[in-house]
Amino acid sequence: MDEHAAVLQSVLEVQQSLKSGRLNVARELICALAEWFPKHTQHLDSALAHWANKKRLGGKPVVIKRGLKLHA
C-alpha cells in the first residue's frame, strides 16, 4: 500500500507540474511507470491476489504466463 500511495503522490505532483506547462516531467513519469508497473503487478500484486483468494475462497488464483513453450 505504501508503494501505491507513493506512486499516487507522484502522479498528483506531476499533475501540478503539467499545469505549469512542464511536459517533460509528465513524460518522465510515463517512462518510469512503464518500467515499474509490469514488475510491480507480476511480483507484489500477484502475491496479494494469492493471499486474498486463499483467505476469501480457500483456493489459489489462476496464473497466466506469456511466452511459455508447451511441448506435446
PDB file of N, CA and C in Angstrom:
ATOM      1  N   MET A   1       0.822  -1.190   0.000  1.00  0.00           N
ATOM      2  CA  MET A   1       0.000   0.000   0.000  1.00  0.00           C
ATOM      3  C   MET A   1       0.870   1.259   0.000  1.00  0.00           C
ATOM      4  N   ASP A   2       2.021   1.183   0.673  1.00  0.00           N
ATOM      5  CA  ASP A   2       2.917   2.340   0.701  1.00  0.00           C
ATOM      6  C   ASP A   2       3.419   2.684  -0.700  1.00  0.00           C
ATOM      7  N   GLU A   3       3.716   1.639  -1.469  1.00  0.00           N
ATOM      8  CA  GLU A   3       4.216   1.872  -2.821  1.00  0.00           C
ATOM      9  C   GLU A   3       3.128   2.499  -3.694  1.00  0.00           C
ATOM     10  N   HIS A   4       1.897   2.021  -3.556  1.00  0.00           N
ATOM     11  CA  HIS A   4       0.784   2.602  -4.306  1.00  0.00           C
ATOM     12  C   HIS A   4       0.583   4.068  -3.913  1.00  0.00           C
ATOM     13  N   ALA A   5       0.663   4.357  -2.625  1.00  0.00           N
ATOM     14  CA  ALA A   5       0.497   5.736  -2.152  1.00  0.00           C
ATOM     15  C   ALA A   5       1.596   6.635  -2.706  1.00  0.00           C
ATOM     16  N   ALA A   6       2.824   6.122  -2.773  1.00  0.00           N
ATOM     17  CA  ALA A   6       3.941   6.907  -3.304  1.00  0.00           C
ATOM     18  C   ALA A   6       3.746   7.204  -4.791  1.00  0.00           C
ATOM     19  N   VAL A   7       3.272   6.218  -5.536  1.00  0.00           N
ATOM     20  CA  VAL A   7       3.025   6.429  -6.965  1.00  0.00           C
ATOM     21  C   VAL A   7       1.905   7.443  -7.152  1.00  0.00           C
ATOM     22  N   LEU A   8       0.843   7.317  -6.379  1.00  0.00           N
ATOM     23  CA  LEU A   8      -0.263   8.269  -6.474  1.00  0.00           C
ATOM     24  C   LEU A   8       0.213   9.683  -6.146  1.00  0.00           C
ATOM     25  N   GLN A   9       1.036   9.815  -5.125  1.00  0.00           N
ATOM     26  CA  GLN A   9       1.580  11.128  -4.769  1.00  0.00           C
ATOM     27  C   GLN A   9       2.407  11.691  -5.917  1.00  0.00           C
ATOM     28  N   SER A  10       3.197  10.847  -6.564  1.00  0.00           N
ATOM     29  CA  SER A  10       3.994  11.290  -7.709  1.00  0.00           C
ATOM     30  C   SER A  10       3.097  11.783  -8.843  1.00  0.00           C
ATOM     31  N   VAL A  11       2.021  11.059  -9.084  1.00  0.00           N
ATOM     32  CA  VAL A  11       1.085  11.457 -10.143  1.00  0.00           C
ATOM     33  C   VAL A  11       0.466  12.817  -9.814  1.00  0.00           C
ATOM     34  N   LEU A  12       0.085  13.017  -8.560  1.00  0.00           N
ATOM     35  CA  LEU A  12      -0.505  14.299  -8.164  1.00  0.00           C
ATOM     36  C   LEU A  12       0.498  15.445  -8.315  1.00  0.00           C
ATOM     37  N   GLU A  13       1.750  15.184  -7.977  1.00  0.00           N
ATOM     38  CA  GLU A  13       2.791  16.207  -8.137  1.00  0.00           C
ATOM     39  C   GLU A  13       3.031  16.528  -9.604  1.00  0.00           C
ATOM     40  N   VAL A  14       3.030  15.500 -10.436  1.00  0.00           N
ATOM     41  CA  VAL A  14       3.224  15.709 -11.871  1.00  0.00           C
ATOM     42  C   VAL A  14       2.038  16.472 -12.454  1.00  0.00           C
ATOM     43  N   GLN A  15       0.861  16.210 -11.940  1.00  0.00           N
ATOM     44  CA  GLN A  15      -0.323  16.936 -12.400  1.00  0.00           C
ATOM     45  C   GLN A  15      -0.139  18.443 -12.171  1.00  0.00           C
ATOM     46  N   GLN A  16       0.414  18.795 -11.040  1.00  0.00           N
ATOM     47  CA  GLN A  16       0.689  20.209 -10.764  1.00  0.00           C
ATOM     48  C   GLN A  16       1.746  20.756 -11.727  1.00  0.00           C
ATOM     49  N   SER A  17       2.749  19.959 -12.033  1.00  0.00           N
ATOM     50  CA  SER A  17       3.780  20.378 -12.982  1.00  0.00           C
ATOM     51  C   SER A  17       3.193  20.613 -14.368  1.00  0.00           C
ATOM     52  N   LEU A  18       2.250  19.773 -14.745  1.00  0.00           N
ATOM     53  CA  LEU A  18       1.603  19.941 -16.047  1.00  0.00           C
ATOM     54  C   LEU A  18       0.849  21.261 -16.123  1.00  0.00           C
ATOM     55  N   LYS A  19       0.225  21.640 -15.025  1.00  0.00           N
ATOM     56  CA  LYS A  19      -0.498  22.913 -15.003  1.00  0.00           C
ATOM     57  C   LYS A  19       0.460  24.086 -15.202  1.00  0.00           C
ATOM     58  N   SER A  20       1.714  23.885 -14.865  1.00  0.00           N
ATOM     59  CA  SER A  20       2.738  24.910 -15.041  1.00  0.00           C
ATOM     60  C   SER A  20       3.398  24.821 -16.415  1.00  0.00           C
ATOM     61  N   GLY A  21       2.936  23.854 -17.230  1.00  0.00           N
ATOM     62  CA  GLY A  21       3.479  23.710 -18.574  1.00  0.00           C
ATOM     63  C   GLY A  21       4.731  22.858 -18.665  1.00  0.00           C
ATOM     64  N   ARG A  22       5.071  22.139 -17.612  1.00  0.00           N
ATOM     65  CA  ARG A  22       6.289  21.318 -17.608  1.00  0.00           C
ATOM     66  C   ARG A  22       5.963  19.904 -18.113  1.00  0.00           C
ATOM     67  N   LEU A  23       5.888  19.766 -19.413  1.00  0.00           N
ATOM     68  CA  LEU A  23       5.531  18.486 -20.036  1.00  0.00           C
ATOM     69  C   LEU A  23       6.593  17.421 -19.837  1.00  0.00           C
ATOM     70  N   ASN A  24       7.849  17.831 -19.732  1.00  0.00           N
ATOM     71  CA  ASN A  24       8.940  16.856 -19.597  1.00  0.00           C
ATOM     72  C   ASN A  24       8.782  16.025 -18.323  1.00  0.00           C
ATOM     73  N   VAL A  25       8.237  16.611 -17.272  1.00  0.00           N
ATOM     74  CA  VAL A  25       8.043  15.875 -16.021  1.00  0.00           C
ATOM     75  C   VAL A  25       7.020  14.756 -16.225  1.00  0.00           C
ATOM     76  N   ALA A  26       5.966  15.042 -16.959  1.00  0.00           N
ATOM     77  CA  ALA A  26       4.954  14.017 -17.246  1.00  0.00           C
ATOM     78  C   ALA A  26       5.542  12.899 -18.103  1.00  0.00           C
ATOM     79  N   ARG A  27       6.353  13.255 -19.051  1.00  0.00           N
ATOM     80  CA  ARG A  27       6.986  12.242 -19.905  1.00  0.00           C
ATOM     81  C   ARG A  27       7.896  11.329 -19.080  1.00  0.00           C
ATOM     82  N   GLU A  28       8.623  11.929 -18.149  1.00  0.00           N
ATOM     83  CA  GLU A  28       9.491  11.127 -17.275  1.00  0.00           C
ATOM     84  C   GLU A  28       8.677  10.175 -16.412  1.00  0.00           C
ATOM     85  N   LEU A  29       7.546  10.645 -15.892  1.00  0.00           N
ATOM     86  CA  LEU A  29       6.678   9.784 -15.087  1.00  0.00           C
ATOM     87  C   LEU A  29       6.130   8.626 -15.922  1.00  0.00           C
ATOM     88  N   ILE A  30       5.715   8.935 -17.136  1.00  0.00           N
ATOM     89  CA  ILE A  30       5.186   7.880 -18.011  1.00  0.00           C
ATOM     90  C   ILE A  30       6.232   6.794 -18.245  1.00  0.00           C
ATOM     91  N   CYS A  31       7.451   7.196 -18.508  1.00  0.00           N
ATOM     92  CA  CYS A  31       8.532   6.217 -18.725  1.00  0.00           C
ATOM     93  C   CYS A  31       8.786   5.402 -17.456  1.00  0.00           C
ATOM     94  N   ALA A  32       8.779   6.075 -16.315  1.00  0.00           N
ATOM     95  CA  ALA A  32       9.016   5.374 -15.048  1.00  0.00           C
ATOM     96  C   ALA A  32       7.890   4.388 -14.754  1.00  0.00           C
ATOM     97  N   LEU A  33       6.653   4.797 -15.001  1.00  0.00           N
ATOM     98  CA  LEU A  33       5.519   3.888 -14.768  1.00  0.00           C
ATOM     99  C   LEU A  33       5.542   2.707 -15.726  1.00  0.00           C
ATOM    100  N   ALA A  34       5.934   2.940 -16.961  1.00  0.00           N
ATOM    101  CA  ALA A  34       6.014   1.851 -17.942  1.00  0.00           C
ATOM    102  C   ALA A  34       7.027   0.798 -17.516  1.00  0.00           C
ATOM    103  N   GLU A  35       8.072   1.217 -16.839  1.00  0.00           N
ATOM    104  CA  GLU A  35       9.071   0.272 -16.343  1.00  0.00           C
ATOM    105  C   GLU A  35       8.614  -0.380 -15.036  1.00  0.00           C
ATOM    106  N   TRP A  36       8.031   0.389 -14.149  1.00  0.00           N
ATOM    107  CA  TRP A  36       7.648  -0.072 -12.805  1.00  0.00           C
ATOM    108  C   TRP A  36       6.431  -0.999 -12.817  1.00  0.00           C
ATOM    109  N   PHE A  37       5.400  -0.640 -13.563  1.00  0.00           N
ATOM    110  CA  PHE A  37       4.111  -1.323 -13.449  1.00  0.00           C
ATOM    111  C   PHE A  37       4.157  -2.824 -13.734  1.00  0.00           C
ATOM    112  N   PRO A  38       4.735  -3.284 -14.844  1.00  0.00           N
ATOM    113  CA  PRO A  38       4.732  -4.734 -15.094  1.00  0.00           C
ATOM    114  C   PRO A  38       5.433  -5.532 -13.990  1.00  0.00           C
ATOM    115  N   LYS A  39       6.569  -5.029 -13.534  1.00  0.00           N
ATOM    116  CA  LYS A  39       7.295  -5.740 -12.468  1.00  0.00           C
ATOM    117  C   LYS A  39       6.491  -5.741 -11.172  1.00  0.00           C
ATOM    118  N   HIS A  40       5.887  -4.619 -10.878  1.00  0.00           N
ATOM    119  CA  HIS A  40       5.103  -4.493  -9.648  1.00  0.00           C
ATOM    120  C   HIS A  40       3.925  -5.471  -9.644  1.00  0.00           C
ATOM    121  N   THR A  41       3.163  -5.476 -10.723  1.00  0.00           N
ATOM    122  CA  THR A  41       1.993  -6.350 -10.757  1.00  0.00           C
ATOM    123  C   THR A  41       2.389  -7.819 -10.773  1.00  0.00           C
ATOM    124  N   GLN A  42       3.472  -8.137 -11.450  1.00  0.00           N
ATOM    125  CA  GLN A  42       3.895  -9.530 -11.519  1.00  0.00           C
ATOM    126  C   GLN A  42       4.314 -10.058 -10.157  1.00  0.00           C
ATOM    127  N   HIS A  43       4.987  -9.233  -9.378  1.00  0.00           N
ATOM    128  CA  HIS A  43       5.535  -9.718  -8.114  1.00  0.00           C
ATOM    129  C   HIS A  43       4.656  -9.392  -6.916  1.00  0.00           C
ATOM    130  N   LEU A  44       4.359  -8.130  -6.712  1.00  0.00           N
ATOM    131  CA  LEU A  44       3.661  -7.733  -5.497  1.00  0.00           C
ATOM    132  C   LEU A  44       2.157  -7.940  -5.565  1.00  0.00           C
ATOM    133  N   ASP A  45       1.527  -7.474  -6.636  1.00  0.00           N
ATOM    134  CA  ASP A  45       0.075  -7.613  -6.716  1.00  0.00           C
ATOM    135  C   ASP A  45      -0.344  -9.065  -6.884  1.00  0.00           C
ATOM    136  N   SER A  46       0.478  -9.871  -7.534  1.00  0.00           N
ATOM    137  CA  SER A  46       0.129 -11.288  -7.670  1.00  0.00           C
ATOM    138  C   SER A  46       0.165 -11.980  -6.313  1.00  0.00           C
ATOM    139  N   ALA A  47       1.097 -11.588  -5.458  1.00  0.00           N
ATOM    140  CA  ALA A  47       1.149 -12.160  -4.107  1.00  0.00           C
ATOM    141  C   ALA A  47      -0.068 -11.730  -3.302  1.00  0.00           C
ATOM    142  N   LEU A  48      -0.483 -10.494  -3.455  1.00  0.00           N
ATOM    143  CA  LEU A  48      -1.684 -10.009  -2.769  1.00  0.00           C
ATOM    144  C   LEU A  48      -2.924 -10.748  -3.254  1.00  0.00           C
ATOM    145  N   ALA A  49      -3.031 -10.957  -4.563  1.00  0.00           N
ATOM    146  CA  ALA A  49      -4.173 -11.695  -5.120  1.00  0.00           C
ATOM    147  C   ALA A  49      -4.201 -13.124  -4.593  1.00  0.00           C
ATOM    148  N   HIS A  50      -3.054 -13.745  -4.515  1.00  0.00           N
ATOM    149  CA  HIS A  50      -2.960 -15.105  -3.994  1.00  0.00           C
ATOM    150  C   HIS A  50      -3.473 -15.148  -2.547  1.00  0.00           C
ATOM    151  N   TRP A  51      -3.004 -14.230  -1.716  1.00  0.00           N
ATOM    152  CA  TRP A  51      -3.404 -14.189  -0.313  1.00  0.00           C
ATOM    153  C   TRP A  51      -4.904 -13.926  -0.178  1.00  0.00           C
ATOM    154  N   ALA A  52      -5.422 -12.957  -0.946  1.00  0.00           N
ATOM    155  CA  ALA A  52      -6.846 -12.599  -0.847  1.00  0.00           C
ATOM    156  C   ALA A  52      -7.733 -13.754  -1.294  1.00  0.00           C
ATOM    157  N   ASN A  53      -7.365 -14.428  -2.389  1.00  0.00           N
ATOM    158  CA  ASN A  53      -8.163 -15.559  -2.861  1.00  0.00           C
ATOM    159  C   ASN A  53      -8.142 -16.709  -1.868  1.00  0.00           C
ATOM    160  N   LYS A  54      -6.979 -16.974  -1.320  1.00  0.00           N
ATOM    161  CA  LYS A  54      -6.879 -18.059  -0.350  1.00  0.00           C
ATOM    162  C   LYS A  54      -7.718 -17.752   0.884  1.00  0.00           C
ATOM    163  N   LYS A  55      -7.657 -16.524   1.370  1.00  0.00           N
ATOM    164  CA  LYS A  55      -8.401 -16.128   2.555  1.00  0.00           C
ATOM    165  C   LYS A  55      -9.907 -16.142   2.298  1.00  0.00           C
ATOM    166  N   ARG A  56     -10.317 -15.611   1.162  1.00  0.00           N
ATOM    167  CA  ARG A  56     -11.746 -15.479   0.863  1.00  0.00           C
ATOM    168  C   ARG A  56     -12.372 -16.777   0.359  1.00  0.00           C
ATOM    169  N   LEU A  57     -11.666 -17.467  -0.529  1.00  0.00           N
ATOM    170  CA  LEU A  57     -12.254 -18.613  -1.211  1.00  0.00           C
ATOM    171  C   LEU A  57     -11.591 -19.940  -0.873  1.00  0.00           C
ATOM    172  N   GLY A  58     -10.461 -19.885  -0.167  1.00  0.00           N
ATOM    173  CA  GLY A  58      -9.777 -21.114   0.187  1.00  0.00           C
ATOM    174  C   GLY A  58      -9.006 -21.745  -0.958  1.00  0.00           C
ATOM    175  N   GLY A  59      -8.787 -20.999  -2.023  1.00  0.00           N
ATOM    176  CA  GLY A  59      -8.093 -21.564  -3.172  1.00  0.00           C
ATOM    177  C   GLY A  59      -6.972 -20.681  -3.653  1.00  0.00           C
ATOM    178  N   LYS A  60      -6.408 -21.056  -4.780  1.00  0.00           N
ATOM    179  CA  LYS A  60      -5.322 -20.292  -5.385  1.00  0.00           C
ATOM    180  C   LYS A  60      -5.828 -19.653  -6.673  1.00  0.00           C
ATOM    181  N   PRO A  61      -5.314 -18.471  -7.002  1.00  0.00           N
ATOM    182  CA  PRO A  61      -5.711 -17.844  -8.263  1.00  0.00           C
ATOM    183  C   PRO A  61      -5.064 -18.557  -9.443  1.00  0.00           C
ATOM    184  N   VAL A  62      -5.668 -18.403 -10.604  1.00  0.00           N
ATOM    185  CA  VAL A  62      -5.096 -18.932 -11.833  1.00  0.00           C
ATOM    186  C   VAL A  62      -4.025 -17.949 -12.294  1.00  0.00           C
ATOM    187  N   VAL A  63      -2.865 -18.469 -12.640  1.00  0.00           N
ATOM    188  CA  VAL A  63      -1.767 -17.630 -13.112  1.00  0.00           C
ATOM    189  C   VAL A  63      -1.570 -17.892 -14.596  1.00  0.00           C
ATOM    190  N   ILE A  64      -1.631 -16.828 -15.368  1.00  0.00           N
ATOM    191  CA  ILE A  64      -1.436 -16.924 -16.816  1.00  0.00           C
ATOM    192  C   ILE A  64      -0.099 -16.290 -17.144  1.00  0.00           C
ATOM    193  N   LYS A  65       0.753 -17.046 -17.817  1.00  0.00           N
ATOM    194  CA  LYS A  65       2.074 -16.540 -18.181  1.00  0.00           C
ATOM    195  C   LYS A  65       2.199 -16.506 -19.694  1.00  0.00           C
ATOM    196  N   ARG A  66       2.801 -15.450 -20.179  1.00  0.00           N
ATOM    197  CA  ARG A  66       3.012 -15.312 -21.619  1.00  0.00           C
ATOM    198  C   ARG A  66       4.336 -15.952 -22.016  1.00  0.00           C
ATOM    199  N   GLY A  67       4.380 -16.398 -23.239  1.00  0.00           N
ATOM    200  CA  GLY A  67       5.629 -16.865 -23.793  1.00  0.00           C
ATOM    201  C   GLY A  67       6.059 -18.262 -23.363  1.00  0.00           C
ATOM    202  N   LEU A  68       5.176 -19.012 -22.747  1.00  0.00           N
ATOM    203  CA  LEU A  68       5.537 -20.368 -22.365  1.00  0.00           C
ATOM    204  C   LEU A  68       5.559 -21.256 -23.590  1.00  0.00           C
ATOM    205  N   LYS A  69       6.523 -22.106 -23.664  1.00  0.00           N
ATOM    206  CA  LYS A  69       6.589 -23.046 -24.783  1.00  0.00           C
ATOM    207  C   LYS A  69       6.150 -24.414 -24.257  1.00  0.00           C
ATOM    208  N   LEU A  70       5.030 -24.867 -24.766  1.00  0.00           N
ATOM    209  CA  LEU A  70       4.490 -26.154 -24.351  1.00  0.00           C
ATOM    210  C   LEU A  70       4.919 -27.230 -25.343  1.00  0.00           C
ATOM    211  N   HIS A  71       5.322 -28.342 -24.819  1.00  0.00           N
ATOM    212  CA  HIS A  71       5.750 -29.448 -25.682  1.00  0.00           C
ATOM    213  C   HIS A  71       4.688 -30.535 -25.630  1.00  0.00           C
ATOM    214  N   ALA A  72       4.353 -31.049 -26.767  1.00  0.00           N
ATOM    215  CA  ALA A  72       3.320 -32.087 -26.865  1.00  0.00           C
ATOM    216  C   ALA A  72       3.866 -33.431 -26.520  1.00  0.00           C
TER     217      ALA A  72
END
